Amino acid sequence: MNSYAGGLVGNNSSTIENCYARSSILHKTGAFPDYFGGLAGEQSSAGSMVNCYSSGVVQQDLDNRGGLIGGAG
């Protein structure tokens, strides 16, 4: 089972509008979660983000990371 972390939400499957996140997400190898993003760890195909931005650092030793969204499904 995958796990998600984001500056705003872990997993988004709805509509989020007019948002921002000012956070830093730092990850070490071997720790959870699997997907990292400045706004959302994962954005499902049912969700959307409109007029949103992120500032901060997203740092991870693995793949599945993004300044806005770590993974899309």
N, C-alpha and C. Protein backbone atom coordinates (compact mmCIF):
# COMPACT_ATOMS: atom_id res chain seq x y z
N MET A 1 0.84 -1.18 0.00
CA MET A 1 0.00 0.00 0.00
C MET A 1 0.89 1.24 0.00
N ASN A 2 0.57 2.20 -0.87
CA ASN A 2 1.34 3.43 -0.94
C ASN A 2 0.87 4.44 0.10
N SER A 3 1.77 5.33 0.47
CA SER A 3 1.43 6.42 1.37
C SER A 3 1.89 7.74 0.74
N TYR A 4 1.26 8.84 1.15
CA TYR A 4 1.46 10.11 0.48
C TYR A 4 1.66 11.24 1.50
N ALA A 5 2.48 12.23 1.12
CA ALA A 5 2.67 13.42 1.95
C ALA A 5 2.74 14.64 1.04
N GLY A 6 2.04 15.67 1.43
CA GLY A 6 2.07 16.92 0.68
C GLY A 6 2.00 18.10 1.63
N GLY A 7 2.45 19.25 1.16
CA GLY A 7 2.39 20.45 1.98
C GLY A 7 0.97 20.87 2.30
N LEU A 8 0.01 20.48 1.45
CA LEU A 8 -1.40 20.81 1.65
C LEU A 8 -2.22 19.54 1.95
N VAL A 9 -2.12 18.55 1.10
CA VAL A 9 -2.85 17.28 1.30
C VAL A 9 -1.96 16.10 0.92
N GLY A 10 -2.26 14.95 1.47
CA GLY A 10 -1.54 13.74 1.10
C GLY A 10 -2.01 13.20 -0.24
N ASN A 11 -3.33 13.03 -0.39
CA ASN A 11 -3.92 12.48 -1.61
C ASN A 11 -5.16 13.30 -1.95
N ASN A 12 -5.21 13.84 -3.15
CA ASN A 12 -6.34 14.68 -3.55
C ASN A 12 -7.18 13.99 -4.62
N SER A 13 -8.48 13.85 -4.34
CA SER A 13 -9.41 13.31 -5.33
C SER A 13 -10.63 14.22 -5.47
N SER A 14 -10.48 15.49 -5.10
CA SER A 14 -11.58 16.46 -5.23
C SER A 14 -11.03 17.73 -5.88
N THR A 15 -11.79 18.81 -5.83
CA THR A 15 -11.35 20.08 -6.39
C THR A 15 -10.83 20.98 -5.27
N ILE A 16 -9.62 21.49 -5.46
CA ILE A 16 -9.02 22.43 -4.53
C ILE A 16 -8.73 23.70 -5.32
N GLU A 17 -9.18 24.84 -4.81
CA GLU A 17 -9.01 26.11 -5.53
C GLU A 17 -8.37 27.16 -4.64
N ASN A 18 -7.64 28.08 -5.29
CA ASN A 18 -7.07 29.25 -4.62
C ASN A 18 -6.32 28.88 -3.35
N CYS A 19 -5.30 28.06 -3.51
CA CYS A 19 -4.56 27.58 -2.35
C CYS A 19 -3.06 27.80 -2.52
N TYR A 20 -2.37 27.73 -1.41
CA TYR A 20 -0.91 27.73 -1.45
C TYR A 20 -0.39 26.99 -0.23
N ALA A 21 0.83 26.53 -0.36
CA ALA A 21 1.50 25.85 0.75
C ALA A 21 2.91 26.39 0.86
N ARG A 22 3.31 26.76 2.05
CA ARG A 22 4.68 27.18 2.34
C ARG A 22 5.25 26.19 3.33
N SER A 23 5.81 25.13 2.80
CA SER A 23 6.31 24.08 3.68
C SER A 23 7.51 23.40 3.04
N SER A 24 8.30 22.80 3.86
CA SER A 24 9.43 21.99 3.39
C SER A 24 9.16 20.54 3.75
N ILE A 25 9.40 19.67 2.79
CA ILE A 25 9.19 18.24 3.00
C ILE A 25 10.52 17.55 2.74
N LEU A 26 11.07 16.95 3.77
CA LEU A 26 12.36 16.27 3.68
C LEU A 26 12.15 14.80 4.02
N HIS A 27 12.77 13.92 3.24
CA HIS A 27 12.56 12.49 3.41
C HIS A 27 13.89 11.78 3.43
N LYS A 28 13.99 10.75 4.25
CA LYS A 28 15.18 9.91 4.29
C LYS A 28 14.83 8.53 3.77
N THR A 29 15.78 7.90 3.09
CA THR A 29 15.58 6.57 2.51
C THR A 29 15.11 5.59 3.57
N GLY A 30 14.12 4.78 3.19
CA GLY A 30 13.61 3.75 4.09
C GLY A 30 12.45 4.20 4.95
N ALA A 31 12.12 5.48 4.91
CA ALA A 31 11.00 5.99 5.72
C ALA A 31 9.78 6.17 4.82
N PHE A 32 8.62 6.21 5.44
CA PHE A 32 7.39 6.49 4.71
C PHE A 32 7.21 7.99 4.63
N PRO A 33 6.46 8.53 3.74
CA PRO A 33 5.62 7.93 2.71
C PRO A 33 6.36 7.72 1.38
N ASP A 34 5.61 7.18 0.40
CA ASP A 34 6.17 6.83 -0.89
C ASP A 34 6.15 7.98 -1.89
N TYR A 35 5.17 8.87 -1.80
CA TYR A 35 5.01 9.97 -2.75
C TYR A 35 5.00 11.31 -2.01
N PHE A 36 5.76 12.28 -2.53
CA PHE A 36 5.90 13.59 -1.90
C PHE A 36 5.62 14.69 -2.90
N GLY A 37 4.94 15.72 -2.48
CA GLY A 37 4.75 16.89 -3.33
C GLY A 37 4.58 18.15 -2.50
N GLY A 38 4.94 19.28 -3.06
CA GLY A 38 4.80 20.55 -2.36
C GLY A 38 3.36 20.88 -2.03
N LEU A 39 2.43 20.50 -2.91
CA LEU A 39 0.99 20.67 -2.64
C LEU A 39 0.34 19.34 -2.27
N ALA A 40 0.53 18.33 -3.10
CA ALA A 40 -0.12 17.03 -2.87
C ALA A 40 0.87 15.90 -3.12
N GLY A 41 0.82 14.89 -2.27
CA GLY A 41 1.64 13.70 -2.50
C GLY A 41 1.18 12.95 -3.74
N GLU A 42 -0.14 12.91 -3.96
CA GLU A 42 -0.72 12.24 -5.12
C GLU A 42 -1.97 12.97 -5.57
N GLN A 43 -2.12 13.13 -6.87
CA GLN A 43 -3.29 13.77 -7.47
C GLN A 43 -4.01 12.70 -8.28
N SER A 44 -5.21 12.29 -7.84
CA SER A 44 -5.94 11.27 -8.59
C SER A 44 -6.56 11.88 -9.83
N SER A 45 -6.96 11.03 -10.75
CA SER A 45 -7.57 11.52 -12.00
C SER A 45 -8.91 12.19 -11.75
N ALA A 46 -9.54 11.94 -10.60
CA ALA A 46 -10.81 12.58 -10.26
C ALA A 46 -10.63 13.96 -9.64
N GLY A 47 -9.40 14.31 -9.26
CA GLY A 47 -9.15 15.57 -8.57
C GLY A 47 -8.61 16.65 -9.48
N SER A 48 -8.67 17.89 -9.00
CA SER A 48 -8.08 19.01 -9.73
C SER A 48 -7.62 20.08 -8.75
N MET A 49 -6.63 20.84 -9.18
CA MET A 49 -6.15 21.99 -8.42
C MET A 49 -6.14 23.18 -9.36
N VAL A 50 -6.78 24.26 -8.93
CA VAL A 50 -6.92 25.45 -9.76
C VAL A 50 -6.38 26.65 -9.00
N ASN A 51 -5.50 27.41 -9.64
CA ASN A 51 -4.95 28.62 -9.05
C ASN A 51 -4.25 28.32 -7.72
N CYS A 52 -3.34 27.36 -7.74
CA CYS A 52 -2.61 26.95 -6.54
C CYS A 52 -1.11 27.04 -6.79
N TYR A 53 -0.35 27.28 -5.73
CA TYR A 53 1.10 27.28 -5.84
C TYR A 53 1.73 26.79 -4.56
N SER A 54 3.01 26.48 -4.67
CA SER A 54 3.76 25.98 -3.53
C SER A 54 5.13 26.65 -3.50
N SER A 55 5.58 26.99 -2.31
CA SER A 55 6.95 27.47 -2.14
C SER A 55 7.57 26.69 -0.99
N GLY A 56 8.79 26.35 -1.12
CA GLY A 56 9.46 25.54 -0.12
C GLY A 56 10.31 24.49 -0.80
N VAL A 57 10.86 23.61 -0.02
CA VAL A 57 11.78 22.58 -0.50
C VAL A 57 11.11 21.22 -0.42
N VAL A 58 11.21 20.45 -1.50
CA VAL A 58 10.79 19.05 -1.49
C VAL A 58 12.05 18.24 -1.78
N GLN A 59 12.52 17.51 -0.79
CA GLN A 59 13.77 16.78 -0.93
C GLN A 59 13.56 15.34 -0.52
N GLN A 60 13.94 14.43 -1.41
CA GLN A 60 13.77 13.00 -1.16
C GLN A 60 14.88 12.25 -1.87
N ASP A 61 15.30 11.13 -1.33
CA ASP A 61 16.36 10.33 -1.92
C ASP A 61 15.86 9.43 -3.04
N LEU A 62 14.57 9.29 -3.20
CA LEU A 62 13.98 8.37 -4.17
C LEU A 62 13.22 9.12 -5.26
N ASP A 63 12.53 8.38 -6.14
CA ASP A 63 11.66 8.98 -7.15
C ASP A 63 10.34 9.37 -6.53
N ASN A 64 9.36 9.74 -7.35
CA ASN A 64 7.99 10.05 -6.92
C ASN A 64 7.93 11.30 -6.05
N ARG A 65 8.61 12.34 -6.48
CA ARG A 65 8.54 13.60 -5.76
C ARG A 65 8.35 14.70 -6.80
N GLY A 66 7.74 15.80 -6.35
CA GLY A 66 7.54 16.93 -7.24
C GLY A 66 7.34 18.21 -6.46
N GLY A 67 7.67 19.32 -7.08
CA GLY A 67 7.48 20.62 -6.44
C GLY A 67 6.02 20.90 -6.16
N LEU A 68 5.13 20.39 -7.01
CA LEU A 68 3.68 20.54 -6.81
C LEU A 68 3.03 19.21 -6.43
N ILE A 69 3.24 18.18 -7.24
CA ILE A 69 2.57 16.89 -7.04
C ILE A 69 3.60 15.76 -7.17
N GLY A 70 3.58 14.83 -6.22
CA GLY A 70 4.53 13.73 -6.26
C GLY A 70 4.17 12.65 -7.25
N GLY A 71 2.90 12.36 -7.42
CA GLY A 71 2.46 11.34 -8.36
C GLY A 71 1.05 11.64 -8.83
N ALA A 72 0.72 11.20 -10.04
CA ALA A 72 -0.62 11.41 -10.60
C ALA A 72 -1.20 10.06 -11.00
N GLY A 73 -2.49 9.92 -10.72
CA GLY A 73 -3.11 8.63 -11.02
C GLY A 73 -4.40 8.73 -11.75
